Amino acid sequence: MKIRTAIFAALALGGSAMSIAADNSDVPHAVVKFGDLDLSSPQGAARLYSRIDAAAREVCKPLDFNVRDLGTRTQLDACVHKAIADAVTKVAQPQLLAIYNAKNHQSRPIVVATAQTR
């Protein structure tokens, strides 16, 4: 049984939240707020990564998972990894991507916005 997950990142702005849209509404998800964090700082990005990690573990932990079973554990780990990777990619902040890359020994592209002039 494959588990599909998504973690929505929401930026709280003045009492309202802006969420990133999902491709599939029946996918389990969690809202991770980070309006209180400075994502340009390593500390703020690390806190957001921790929040995303915790949310991914919660979203990927259905009640029938038996973590003693190697196959189930592998599914759980894959689910958590995908949820984190998807959330980090959607937030697309260089500091957060750098933390993801360091923790996972994998490279997610670090996107840098540039202004085009004509």
PDB file of N, CA and C in Angstrom:
ATOM      1  N   MET A   1       0.844  -1.179   0.000  1.00  0.00           N
ATOM      2  CA  MET A   1       0.000   0.000   0.000  1.00  0.00           C
ATOM      3  C   MET A   1       0.887   1.239   0.000  1.00  0.00           C
ATOM      4  N   LYS A   2       0.764   2.052  -1.016  1.00  0.00           N
ATOM      5  CA  LYS A   2       1.546   3.264  -1.081  1.00  0.00           C
ATOM      6  C   LYS A   2       0.788   4.381  -0.387  1.00  0.00           C
ATOM      7  N   ILE A   3       1.519   5.201   0.287  1.00  0.00           N
ATOM      8  CA  ILE A   3       0.912   6.324   0.986  1.00  0.00           C
ATOM      9  C   ILE A   3       1.384   7.591   0.302  1.00  0.00           C
ATOM     10  N   ARG A   4       0.436   8.407  -0.071  1.00  0.00           N
ATOM     11  CA  ARG A   4       0.783   9.676  -0.676  1.00  0.00           C
ATOM     12  C   ARG A   4       0.526  10.766   0.339  1.00  0.00           C
ATOM     13  N   THR A   5       1.463  11.653   0.470  1.00  0.00           N
ATOM     14  CA  THR A   5       1.301  12.708   1.458  1.00  0.00           C
ATOM     15  C   THR A   5       1.687  14.060   0.881  1.00  0.00           C
ATOM     16  N   ALA A   6       1.240  15.044   1.552  1.00  0.00           N
ATOM     17  CA  ALA A   6       1.625  16.411   1.244  1.00  0.00           C
ATOM     18  C   ALA A   6       1.588  17.187   2.538  1.00  0.00           C
ATOM     19  N   ILE A   7       2.527  18.054   2.689  1.00  0.00           N
ATOM     20  CA  ILE A   7       2.495  18.959   3.829  1.00  0.00           C
ATOM     21  C   ILE A   7       2.339  20.351   3.240  1.00  0.00           C
ATOM     22  N   PHE A   8       1.343  21.028   3.708  1.00  0.00           N
ATOM     23  CA  PHE A   8       1.131  22.393   3.246  1.00  0.00           C
ATOM     24  C   PHE A   8       1.865  23.335   4.172  1.00  0.00           C
ATOM     25  N   ALA A   9       2.590  24.220   3.594  1.00  0.00           N
ATOM     26  CA  ALA A   9       3.232  25.247   4.386  1.00  0.00           C
ATOM     27  C   ALA A   9       2.329  26.470   4.338  1.00  0.00           C
ATOM     28  N   ALA A  10       2.093  27.051   5.460  1.00  0.00           N
ATOM     29  CA  ALA A  10       1.233  28.233   5.504  1.00  0.00           C
ATOM     30  C   ALA A  10       1.997  29.372   6.155  1.00  0.00           C
ATOM     31  N   LEU A  11       1.891  30.506   5.571  1.00  0.00           N
ATOM     32  CA  LEU A  11       2.554  31.685   6.099  1.00  0.00           C
ATOM     33  C   LEU A  11       1.499  32.558   6.752  1.00  0.00           C
ATOM     34  N   ALA A  12       1.605  32.698   8.047  1.00  0.00           N
ATOM     35  CA  ALA A  12       0.618  33.495   8.778  1.00  0.00           C
ATOM     36  C   ALA A  12       0.950  34.973   8.614  1.00  0.00           C
ATOM     37  N   LEU A  13       0.023  35.688   8.070  1.00  0.00           N
ATOM     38  CA  LEU A  13       0.212  37.126   7.859  1.00  0.00           C
ATOM     39  C   LEU A  13      -0.974  37.866   8.466  1.00  0.00           C
ATOM     40  N   GLY A  14      -0.746  38.521   9.558  1.00  0.00           N
ATOM     41  CA  GLY A  14      -1.784  39.337  10.168  1.00  0.00           C
ATOM     42  C   GLY A  14      -3.066  38.580  10.464  1.00  0.00           C
ATOM     43  N   GLY A  15      -2.969  37.402  11.017  1.00  0.00           N
ATOM     44  CA  GLY A  15      -4.152  36.649  11.390  1.00  0.00           C
ATOM     45  C   GLY A  15      -4.712  35.769  10.294  1.00  0.00           C
ATOM     46  N   SER A  16      -4.234  35.958   9.067  1.00  0.00           N
ATOM     47  CA  SER A  16      -4.707  35.075   8.002  1.00  0.00           C
ATOM     48  C   SER A  16      -3.570  34.164   7.579  1.00  0.00           C
ATOM     49  N   ALA A  17      -3.893  33.121   6.886  1.00  0.00           N
ATOM     50  CA  ALA A  17      -2.865  32.182   6.448  1.00  0.00           C
ATOM     51  C   ALA A  17      -2.971  32.005   4.949  1.00  0.00           C
ATOM     52  N   MET A  18      -1.837  31.950   4.304  1.00  0.00           N
ATOM     53  CA  MET A  18      -1.777  31.670   2.885  1.00  0.00           C
ATOM     54  C   MET A  18      -1.235  30.256   2.758  1.00  0.00           C
ATOM     55  N   SER A  19      -1.966  29.370   2.129  1.00  0.00           N
ATOM     56  CA  SER A  19      -1.474  28.003   2.011  1.00  0.00           C
ATOM     57  C   SER A  19      -1.120  27.700   0.568  1.00  0.00           C
ATOM     58  N   ILE A  20      -0.207  26.777   0.410  1.00  0.00           N
ATOM     59  CA  ILE A  20       0.229  26.359  -0.908  1.00  0.00           C
ATOM     60  C   ILE A  20      -0.737  25.270  -1.375  1.00  0.00           C
ATOM     61  N   ALA A  21      -1.272  25.414  -2.553  1.00  0.00           N
ATOM     62  CA  ALA A  21      -2.293  24.487  -3.043  1.00  0.00           C
ATOM     63  C   ALA A  21      -1.707  23.118  -3.336  1.00  0.00           C
ATOM     64  N   ALA A  22      -2.543  22.118  -3.127  1.00  0.00           N
ATOM     65  CA  ALA A  22      -2.125  20.733  -3.400  1.00  0.00           C
ATOM     66  C   ALA A  22      -2.713  20.278  -4.715  1.00  0.00           C
ATOM     67  N   ASP A  23      -2.071  19.277  -5.305  1.00  0.00           N
ATOM     68  CA  ASP A  23      -2.569  18.698  -6.537  1.00  0.00           C
ATOM     69  C   ASP A  23      -3.752  17.777  -6.287  1.00  0.00           C
ATOM     70  N   ASN A  24      -3.826  17.188  -5.100  1.00  0.00           N
ATOM     71  CA  ASN A  24      -4.841  16.180  -4.816  1.00  0.00           C
ATOM     72  C   ASN A  24      -5.421  16.442  -3.431  1.00  0.00           C
ATOM     73  N   SER A  25      -6.713  16.741  -3.371  1.00  0.00           N
ATOM     74  CA  SER A  25      -7.318  17.137  -2.097  1.00  0.00           C
ATOM     75  C   SER A  25      -7.552  15.976  -1.138  1.00  0.00           C
ATOM     76  N   ASP A  26      -7.496  14.718  -1.614  1.00  0.00           N
ATOM     77  CA  ASP A  26      -7.718  13.588  -0.719  1.00  0.00           C
ATOM     78  C   ASP A  26      -6.436  13.089  -0.055  1.00  0.00           C
ATOM     79  N   VAL A  27      -5.351  13.775  -0.279  1.00  0.00           N
ATOM     80  CA  VAL A  27      -4.065  13.400   0.293  1.00  0.00           C
ATOM     81  C   VAL A  27      -3.977  13.925   1.725  1.00  0.00           C
ATOM     82  N   PRO A  28      -3.559  13.082   2.673  1.00  0.00           N
ATOM     83  CA  PRO A  28      -3.394  13.590   4.048  1.00  0.00           C
ATOM     84  C   PRO A  28      -2.397  14.746   4.059  1.00  0.00           C
ATOM     85  N   HIS A  29      -2.665  15.731   4.880  1.00  0.00           N
ATOM     86  CA  HIS A  29      -1.760  16.881   4.930  1.00  0.00           C
ATOM     87  C   HIS A  29      -1.802  17.527   6.309  1.00  0.00           C
ATOM     88  N   ALA A  30      -0.832  18.366   6.523  1.00  0.00           N
ATOM     89  CA  ALA A  30      -0.766  19.162   7.749  1.00  0.00           C
ATOM     90  C   ALA A  30      -0.403  20.577   7.351  1.00  0.00           C
ATOM     91  N   VAL A  31      -0.843  21.532   8.112  1.00  0.00           N
ATOM     92  CA  VAL A  31      -0.481  22.923   7.875  1.00  0.00           C
ATOM     93  C   VAL A  31       0.645  23.269   8.841  1.00  0.00           C
ATOM     94  N   VAL A  32       1.735  23.752   8.279  1.00  0.00           N
ATOM     95  CA  VAL A  32       2.894  24.143   9.079  1.00  0.00           C
ATOM     96  C   VAL A  32       3.037  25.650   8.942  1.00  0.00           C
ATOM     97  N   LYS A  33       2.794  26.356  10.021  1.00  0.00           N
ATOM     98  CA  LYS A  33       2.887  27.819   9.995  1.00  0.00           C
ATOM     99  C   LYS A  33       4.308  28.255  10.314  1.00  0.00           C
ATOM    100  N   PHE A  34       4.743  29.281   9.616  1.00  0.00           N
ATOM    101  CA  PHE A  34       6.089  29.782   9.878  1.00  0.00           C
ATOM    102  C   PHE A  34       6.199  31.295   9.756  1.00  0.00           C
ATOM    103  N   GLY A  35       5.085  31.982   9.911  1.00  0.00           N
ATOM    104  CA  GLY A  35       5.084  33.438   9.850  1.00  0.00           C
ATOM    105  C   GLY A  35       5.908  34.085  10.951  1.00  0.00           C
ATOM    106  N   ASP A  36       6.156  33.334  12.027  1.00  0.00           N
ATOM    107  CA  ASP A  36       6.930  33.850  13.152  1.00  0.00           C
ATOM    108  C   ASP A  36       8.433  33.636  12.976  1.00  0.00           C
ATOM    109  N   LEU A  37       8.848  33.020  11.873  1.00  0.00           N
ATOM    110  CA  LEU A  37      10.258  32.675  11.679  1.00  0.00           C
ATOM    111  C   LEU A  37      10.912  33.550  10.614  1.00  0.00           C
ATOM    112  N   ASP A  38      12.179  33.819  10.794  1.00  0.00           N
ATOM    113  CA  ASP A  38      12.979  34.507   9.792  1.00  0.00           C
ATOM    114  C   ASP A  38      13.704  33.430   8.987  1.00  0.00           C
ATOM    115  N   LEU A  39      13.183  33.116   7.813  1.00  0.00           N
ATOM    116  CA  LEU A  39      13.749  32.034   7.015  1.00  0.00           C
ATOM    117  C   LEU A  39      15.062  32.403   6.339  1.00  0.00           C
ATOM    118  N   SER A  40      15.464  33.648   6.436  1.00  0.00           N
ATOM    119  CA  SER A  40      16.766  34.028   5.886  1.00  0.00           C
ATOM    120  C   SER A  40      17.892  33.700   6.861  1.00  0.00           C
ATOM    121  N   SER A  41      17.525  33.366   8.102  1.00  0.00           N
ATOM    122  CA  SER A  41      18.543  32.991   9.087  1.00  0.00           C
ATOM    123  C   SER A  41      18.608  31.473   9.211  1.00  0.00           C
ATOM    124  N   PRO A  42      19.781  30.935   9.484  1.00  0.00           N
ATOM    125  CA  PRO A  42      19.902  29.489   9.671  1.00  0.00           C
ATOM    126  C   PRO A  42      19.036  28.979  10.820  1.00  0.00           C
ATOM    127  N   GLN A  43      18.891  29.762  11.882  1.00  0.00           N
ATOM    128  CA  GLN A  43      18.091  29.347  13.033  1.00  0.00           C
ATOM    129  C   GLN A  43      16.616  29.250  12.671  1.00  0.00           C
ATOM    130  N   GLY A  44      16.109  30.233  11.950  1.00  0.00           N
ATOM    131  CA  GLY A  44      14.708  30.226  11.536  1.00  0.00           C
ATOM    132  C   GLY A  44      14.418  29.075  10.584  1.00  0.00           C
ATOM    133  N   ALA A  45      15.311  28.850   9.633  1.00  0.00           N
ATOM    134  CA  ALA A  45      15.139  27.746   8.688  1.00  0.00           C
ATOM    135  C   ALA A  45      15.210  26.402   9.406  1.00  0.00           C
ATOM    136  N   ALA A  46      16.086  26.274  10.394  1.00  0.00           N
ATOM    137  CA  ALA A  46      16.201  25.024  11.156  1.00  0.00           C
ATOM    138  C   ALA A  46      14.934  24.756  11.956  1.00  0.00           C
ATOM    139  N   ARG A  47      14.351  25.804  12.516  1.00  0.00           N
ATOM    140  CA  ARG A  47      13.088  25.622  13.257  1.00  0.00           C
ATOM    141  C   ARG A  47      11.971  25.173  12.326  1.00  0.00           C
ATOM    142  N   LEU A  48      11.911  25.777  11.128  1.00  0.00           N
ATOM    143  CA  LEU A  48      10.895  25.367  10.172  1.00  0.00           C
ATOM    144  C   LEU A  48      11.124  23.920   9.738  1.00  0.00           C
ATOM    145  N   TYR A  49      12.368  23.544   9.509  1.00  0.00           N
ATOM    146  CA  TYR A  49      12.660  22.160   9.129  1.00  0.00           C
ATOM    147  C   TYR A  49      12.176  21.201  10.214  1.00  0.00           C
ATOM    148  N   SER A  50      12.399  21.557  11.457  1.00  0.00           N
ATOM    149  CA  SER A  50      11.936  20.711  12.569  1.00  0.00           C
ATOM    150  C   SER A  50      10.413  20.594  12.577  1.00  0.00           C
ATOM    151  N   ARG A  51       9.732  21.702  12.315  1.00  0.00           N
ATOM    152  CA  ARG A  51       8.267  21.682  12.273  1.00  0.00           C
ATOM    153  C   ARG A  51       7.772  20.810  11.115  1.00  0.00           C
ATOM    154  N   ILE A  52       8.416  20.940   9.956  1.00  0.00           N
ATOM    155  CA  ILE A  52       8.043  20.135   8.796  1.00  0.00           C
ATOM    156  C   ILE A  52       8.278  18.659   9.088  1.00  0.00           C
ATOM    157  N   ASP A  53       9.417  18.338   9.698  1.00  0.00           N
ATOM    158  CA  ASP A  53       9.744  16.953  10.050  1.00  0.00           C
ATOM    159  C   ASP A  53       8.685  16.369  10.986  1.00  0.00           C
ATOM    160  N   ALA A  54       8.314  17.120  12.007  1.00  0.00           N
ATOM    161  CA  ALA A  54       7.306  16.644  12.968  1.00  0.00           C
ATOM    162  C   ALA A  54       5.956  16.441  12.280  1.00  0.00           C
ATOM    163  N   ALA A  55       5.576  17.368  11.418  1.00  0.00           N
ATOM    164  CA  ALA A  55       4.308  17.249  10.702  1.00  0.00           C
ATOM    165  C   ALA A  55       4.325  16.052   9.757  1.00  0.00           C
ATOM    166  N   ALA A  56       5.443  15.832   9.088  1.00  0.00           N
ATOM    167  CA  ALA A  56       5.561  14.693   8.167  1.00  0.00           C
ATOM    168  C   ALA A  56       5.412  13.381   8.925  1.00  0.00           C
ATOM    169  N   ARG A  57       6.042  13.284  10.076  1.00  0.00           N
ATOM    170  CA  ARG A  57       5.942  12.056  10.876  1.00  0.00           C
ATOM    171  C   ARG A  57       4.501  11.825  11.341  1.00  0.00           C
ATOM    172  N   GLU A  58       3.802  12.889  11.673  1.00  0.00           N
ATOM    173  CA  GLU A  58       2.412  12.762  12.115  1.00  0.00           C
ATOM    174  C   GLU A  58       1.497  12.357  10.953  1.00  0.00           C
ATOM    175  N   VAL A  59       1.682  12.992   9.802  1.00  0.00           N
ATOM    176  CA  VAL A  59       0.859  12.707   8.633  1.00  0.00           C
ATOM    177  C   VAL A  59       1.091  11.276   8.133  1.00  0.00           C
ATOM    178  N   CYS A  60       2.308  10.795   8.248  1.00  0.00           N
ATOM    179  CA  CYS A  60       2.664   9.475   7.711  1.00  0.00           C
ATOM    180  C   CYS A  60       2.419   8.332   8.688  1.00  0.00           C
ATOM    181  N   LYS A  61       1.887   8.627   9.851  1.00  0.00           N
ATOM    182  CA  LYS A  61       1.738   7.605  10.879  1.00  0.00           C
ATOM    183  C   LYS A  61       0.281   7.138  11.005  1.00  0.00           C
ATOM    184  N   PRO A  62      -0.190   6.365  10.030  1.00  0.00           N
ATOM    185  CA  PRO A  62      -1.541   5.840  10.189  1.00  0.00           C
ATOM    186  C   PRO A  62      -1.593   4.867  11.374  1.00  0.00           C
ATOM    187  N   LEU A  63      -2.751   4.690  11.912  1.00  0.00           N
ATOM    188  CA  LEU A  63      -2.891   3.864  13.110  1.00  0.00           C
ATOM    189  C   LEU A  63      -2.491   2.410  12.908  1.00  0.00           C
ATOM    190  N   ASP A  64      -2.583   1.891  11.688  1.00  0.00           N
ATOM    191  CA  ASP A  64      -2.290   0.477  11.473  1.00  0.00           C
ATOM    192  C   ASP A  64      -0.824   0.187  11.154  1.00  0.00           C
ATOM    193  N   PHE A  65       0.044   1.183  11.213  1.00  0.00           N
ATOM    194  CA  PHE A  65       1.460   0.935  10.956  1.00  0.00           C
ATOM    195  C   PHE A  65       2.064   0.108  12.086  1.00  0.00           C
ATOM    196  N   ASN A  66       2.776  -0.929  11.737  1.00  0.00           N
ATOM    197  CA  ASN A  66       3.508  -1.744  12.699  1.00  0.00           C
ATOM    198  C   ASN A  66       4.986  -1.473  12.463  1.00  0.00           C
ATOM    199  N   VAL A  67       5.590  -0.581  13.255  1.00  0.00           N
ATOM    200  CA  VAL A  67       6.967  -0.163  13.019  1.00  0.00           C
ATOM    201  C   VAL A  67       7.984  -1.277  13.247  1.00  0.00           C
ATOM    202  N   ARG A  68       7.552  -2.408  13.773  1.00  0.00           N
ATOM    203  CA  ARG A  68       8.462  -3.538  13.946  1.00  0.00           C
ATOM    204  C   ARG A  68       8.630  -4.331  12.649  1.00  0.00           C
ATOM    205  N   ASP A  69       7.694  -4.152  11.725  1.00  0.00           N
ATOM    206  CA  ASP A  69       7.760  -4.822  10.434  1.00  0.00           C
ATOM    207  C   ASP A  69       8.649  -4.000   9.502  1.00  0.00           C
ATOM    208  N   LEU A  70       9.685  -4.638   8.938  1.00  0.00           N
ATOM    209  CA  LEU A  70      10.655  -3.929   8.107  1.00  0.00           C
ATOM    210  C   LEU A  70       9.994  -3.284   6.890  1.00  0.00           C
ATOM    211  N   GLY A  71       9.071  -3.972   6.247  1.00  0.00           N
ATOM    212  CA  GLY A  71       8.395  -3.409   5.082  1.00  0.00           C
ATOM    213  C   GLY A  71       7.579  -2.187   5.434  1.00  0.00           C
ATOM    214  N   THR A  72       6.891  -2.259   6.543  1.00  0.00           N
ATOM    215  CA  THR A  72       6.088  -1.126   7.001  1.00  0.00           C
ATOM    216  C   THR A  72       6.996   0.033   7.391  1.00  0.00           C
ATOM    217  N   ARG A  73       8.087  -0.283   8.052  1.00  0.00           N
ATOM    218  CA  ARG A  73       9.042   0.762   8.455  1.00  0.00           C
ATOM    219  C   ARG A  73       9.622   1.456   7.229  1.00  0.00           C
ATOM    220  N   THR A  74       9.903   0.682   6.187  1.00  0.00           N
ATOM    221  CA  THR A  74      10.428   1.251   4.947  1.00  0.00           C
ATOM    222  C   THR A  74       9.402   2.184   4.318  1.00  0.00           C
ATOM    223  N   GLN A  75       8.123   1.781   4.326  1.00  0.00           N
ATOM    224  CA  GLN A  75       7.063   2.638   3.799  1.00  0.00           C
ATOM    225  C   GLN A  75       6.950   3.927   4.605  1.00  0.00           C
ATOM    226  N   LEU A  76       7.022   3.802   5.908  1.00  0.00           N
ATOM    227  CA  LEU A  76       6.939   4.969   6.780  1.00  0.00           C
ATOM    228  C   LEU A  76       8.084   5.931   6.496  1.00  0.00           C
ATOM    229  N   ASP A  77       9.295   5.404   6.410  1.00  0.00           N
ATOM    230  CA  ASP A  77      10.462   6.245   6.129  1.00  0.00           C
ATOM    231  C   ASP A  77      10.344   6.931   4.774  1.00  0.00           C
ATOM    232  N   ALA A  78       9.876   6.202   3.768  1.00  0.00           N
ATOM    233  CA  ALA A  78       9.716   6.778   2.431  1.00  0.00           C
ATOM    234  C   ALA A  78       8.653   7.872   2.434  1.00  0.00           C
ATOM    235  N   CYS A  79       7.580   7.645   3.155  1.00  0.00           N
ATOM    236  CA  CYS A  79       6.512   8.629   3.268  1.00  0.00           C
ATOM    237  C   CYS A  79       7.019   9.918   3.912  1.00  0.00           C
ATOM    238  N   VAL A  80       7.723   9.774   5.025  1.00  0.00           N
ATOM    239  CA  VAL A  80       8.269  10.944   5.738  1.00  0.00           C
ATOM    240  C   VAL A  80       9.238  11.694   4.843  1.00  0.00           C
ATOM    241  N   HIS A  81      10.119  10.965   4.187  1.00  0.00           N
ATOM    242  CA  HIS A  81      11.114  11.612   3.318  1.00  0.00           C
ATOM    243  C   HIS A  81      10.438  12.386   2.193  1.00  0.00           C
ATOM    244  N   LYS A  82       9.438  11.778   1.547  1.00  0.00           N
ATOM    245  CA  LYS A  82       8.752  12.459   0.450  1.00  0.00           C
ATOM    246  C   LYS A  82       7.989  13.687   0.941  1.00  0.00           C
ATOM    247  N   ALA A  83       7.325  13.558   2.072  1.00  0.00           N
ATOM    248  CA  ALA A  83       6.569  14.692   2.610  1.00  0.00           C
ATOM    249  C   ALA A  83       7.495  15.861   2.921  1.00  0.00           C
ATOM    250  N   ILE A  84       8.640  15.573   3.529  1.00  0.00           N
ATOM    251  CA  ILE A  84       9.601  16.633   3.849  1.00  0.00           C
ATOM    252  C   ILE A  84      10.144  17.248   2.566  1.00  0.00           C
ATOM    253  N   ALA A  85      10.554  16.413   1.629  1.00  0.00           N
ATOM    254  CA  ALA A  85      11.109  16.916   0.371  1.00  0.00           C
ATOM    255  C   ALA A  85      10.106  17.794  -0.365  1.00  0.00           C
ATOM    256  N   ASP A  86       8.851  17.362  -0.421  1.00  0.00           N
ATOM    257  CA  ASP A  86       7.824  18.148  -1.107  1.00  0.00           C
ATOM    258  C   ASP A  86       7.597  19.496  -0.418  1.00  0.00           C
ATOM    259  N   ALA A  87       7.532  19.488   0.912  1.00  0.00           N
ATOM    260  CA  ALA A  87       7.299  20.730   1.647  1.00  0.00           C
ATOM    261  C   ALA A  87       8.468  21.695   1.486  1.00  0.00           C
ATOM    262  N   VAL A  88       9.682  21.180   1.603  1.00  0.00           N
ATOM    263  CA  VAL A  88      10.873  22.029   1.462  1.00  0.00           C
ATOM    264  C   VAL A  88      10.922  22.627   0.062  1.00  0.00           C
ATOM    265  N   THR A  89      10.587  21.836  -0.935  1.00  0.00           N
ATOM    266  CA  THR A  89      10.585  22.324  -2.311  1.00  0.00           C
ATOM    267  C   THR A  89       9.528  23.406  -2.499  1.00  0.00           C
ATOM    268  N   LYS A  90       8.347  23.220  -1.900  1.00  0.00           N
ATOM    269  CA  LYS A  90       7.276  24.207  -2.056  1.00  0.00           C
ATOM    270  C   LYS A  90       7.599  25.521  -1.350  1.00  0.00           C
ATOM    271  N   VAL A  91       8.255  25.446  -0.211  1.00  0.00           N
ATOM    272  CA  VAL A  91       8.617  26.675   0.503  1.00  0.00           C
ATOM    273  C   VAL A  91       9.706  27.411  -0.282  1.00  0.00           C
ATOM    274  N   ALA A  92      10.652  26.659  -0.846  1.00  0.00           N
ATOM    275  CA  ALA A  92      11.679  27.190  -1.756  1.00  0.00           C
ATOM    276  C   ALA A  92      12.493  28.348  -1.179  1.00  0.00           C
ATOM    277  N   GLN A  93      12.944  28.207   0.041  1.00  0.00           N
ATOM    278  CA  GLN A  93      13.819  29.202   0.662  1.00  0.00           C
ATOM    279  C   GLN A  93      15.238  28.634   0.716  1.00  0.00           C
ATOM    280  N   PRO A  94      16.225  29.382   0.266  1.00  0.00           N
ATOM    281  CA  PRO A  94      17.595  28.861   0.198  1.00  0.00           C
ATOM    282  C   PRO A  94      18.118  28.269   1.504  1.00  0.00           C
ATOM    283  N   GLN A  95      17.884  28.913   2.628  1.00  0.00           N
ATOM    284  CA  GLN A  95      18.381  28.392   3.913  1.00  0.00           C
ATOM    285  C   GLN A  95      17.735  27.051   4.242  1.00  0.00           C
ATOM    286  N   LEU A  96      16.434  26.920   3.985  1.00  0.00           N
ATOM    287  CA  LEU A  96      15.718  25.674   4.257  1.00  0.00           C
ATOM    288  C   LEU A  96      16.203  24.566   3.321  1.00  0.00           C
ATOM    289  N   LEU A  97      16.393  24.889   2.058  1.00  0.00           N
ATOM    290  CA  LEU A  97      16.908  23.911   1.100  1.00  0.00           C
ATOM    291  C   LEU A  97      18.313  23.443   1.484  1.00  0.00           C
ATOM    292  N   ALA A  98      19.127  24.359   1.977  1.00  0.00           N
ATOM    293  CA  ALA A  98      20.484  23.993   2.406  1.00  0.00           C
ATOM    294  C   ALA A  98      20.440  23.021   3.578  1.00  0.00           C
ATOM    295  N   ILE A  99      19.521  23.238   4.511  1.00  0.00           N
ATOM    296  CA  ILE A  99      19.380  22.328   5.659  1.00  0.00           C
ATOM    297  C   ILE A  99      18.910  20.958   5.171  1.00  0.00           C
ATOM    298  N   TYR A 100      17.931  20.946   4.283  1.00  0.00           N
ATOM    299  CA  TYR A 100      17.448  19.680   3.727  1.00  0.00           C
ATOM    300  C   TYR A 100      18.604  18.923   3.059  1.00  0.00           C
ATOM    301  N   ASN A 101      19.355  19.626   2.222  1.00  0.00           N
ATOM    302  CA  ASN A 101      20.464  18.990   1.509  1.00  0.00           C
ATOM    303  C   ASN A 101      21.501  18.428   2.469  1.00  0.00           C
ATOM    304  N   ALA A 102      21.824  19.154   3.523  1.00  0.00           N
ATOM    305  CA  ALA A 102      22.818  18.696   4.497  1.00  0.00           C
ATOM    306  C   ALA A 102      22.317  17.479   5.270  1.00  0.00           C
ATOM    307  N   LYS A 103      21.060  17.476   5.646  1.00  0.00           N
ATOM    308  CA  LYS A 103      20.520  16.372   6.451  1.00  0.00           C
ATOM    309  C   LYS A 103      20.287  15.106   5.628  1.00  0.00           C
ATOM    310  N   ASN A 104      20.020  15.255   4.363  1.00  0.00           N
ATOM    311  CA  ASN A 104      19.648  14.116   3.537  1.00  0.00           C
ATOM    312  C   ASN A 104      20.722  13.679   2.556  1.00  0.00           C
ATOM    313  N   HIS A 105      21.809  14.377   2.527  1.00  0.00           N
ATOM    314  CA  HIS A 105      22.902  14.061   1.604  1.00  0.00           C
ATOM    315  C   HIS A 105      22.382  13.920   0.178  1.00  0.00           C
ATOM    316  N   GLN A 106      21.358  14.710  -0.117  1.00  0.00           N
ATOM    317  CA  GLN A 106      20.794  14.761  -1.457  1.00  0.00           C
ATOM    318  C   GLN A 106      20.647  16.214  -1.811  1.00  0.00           C
ATOM    319  N   SER A 107      20.586  16.460  -3.069  1.00  0.00           N
ATOM    320  CA  SER A 107      20.514  17.837  -3.489  1.00  0.00           C
ATOM    321  C   SER A 107      19.141  18.177  -4.029  1.00  0.00           C
ATOM    322  N   ARG A 108      18.480  19.113  -3.371  1.00  0.00           N
ATOM    323  CA  ARG A 108      17.283  19.744  -3.905  1.00  0.00           C
ATOM    324  C   ARG A 108      17.803  21.055  -4.463  1.00  0.00           C
ATOM    325  N   PRO A 109      17.319  21.460  -5.610  1.00  0.00           N
ATOM    326  CA  PRO A 109      17.839  22.694  -6.185  1.00  0.00           C
ATOM    327  C   PRO A 109      17.548  23.906  -5.306  1.00  0.00           C
ATOM    328  N   ILE A 110      18.566  24.723  -5.127  1.00  0.00           N
ATOM    329  CA  ILE A 110      18.397  25.980  -4.392  1.00  0.00           C
ATOM    330  C   ILE A 110      18.045  27.045  -5.413  1.00  0.00           C
ATOM    331  N   VAL A 111      16.821  27.539  -5.331  1.00  0.00           N
ATOM    332  CA  VAL A 111      16.314  28.483  -6.302  1.00  0.00           C
ATOM    333  C   VAL A 111      16.605  29.891  -5.832  1.00  0.00           C
ATOM    334  N   VAL A 112      17.191  30.662  -6.702  1.00  0.00           N
ATOM    335  CA  VAL A 112      17.468  32.058  -6.397  1.00  0.00           C
ATOM    336  C   VAL A 112      16.690  32.893  -7.403  1.00  0.00           C
ATOM    337  N   ALA A 113      15.852  33.768  -6.899  1.00  0.00           N
ATOM    338  CA  ALA A 113      15.040  34.619  -7.767  1.00  0.00           C
ATOM    339  C   ALA A 113      15.903  35.713  -8.369  1.00  0.00           C
ATOM    340  N   THR A 114      15.690  35.979  -9.624  1.00  0.00           N
ATOM    341  CA  THR A 114      16.416  37.053 -10.282  1.00  0.00           C
ATOM    342  C   THR A 114      15.415  37.928 -11.003  1.00  0.00           C
ATOM    343  N   ALA A 115      15.722  39.187 -11.092  1.00  0.00           N
ATOM    344  CA  ALA A 115      14.871  40.113 -11.821  1.00  0.00           C
ATOM    345  C   ALA A 115      15.354  40.167 -13.258  1.00  0.00           C
ATOM    346  N   GLN A 116      14.394  40.105 -14.162  1.00  0.00           N
ATOM    347  CA  GLN A 116      14.750  40.208 -15.576  1.00  0.00           C
ATOM    348  C   GLN A 116      14.544  41.645 -16.007  1.00  0.00           C
ATOM    349  N   THR A 117      15.489  42.142 -16.754  1.00  0.00           N
ATOM    350  CA  THR A 117      15.364  43.509 -17.273  1.00  0.00           C
ATOM    351  C   THR A 117      15.258  43.444 -18.780  1.00  0.00           C
ATOM    352  N   ARG A 118      14.586  44.410 -19.309  1.00  0.00           N
ATOM    353  CA  ARG A 118      14.412  44.451 -20.763  1.00  0.00           C
ATOM    354  C   ARG A 118      15.067  45.655 -21.328  1.00  0.00           C
TER     355      ARG A 118
END
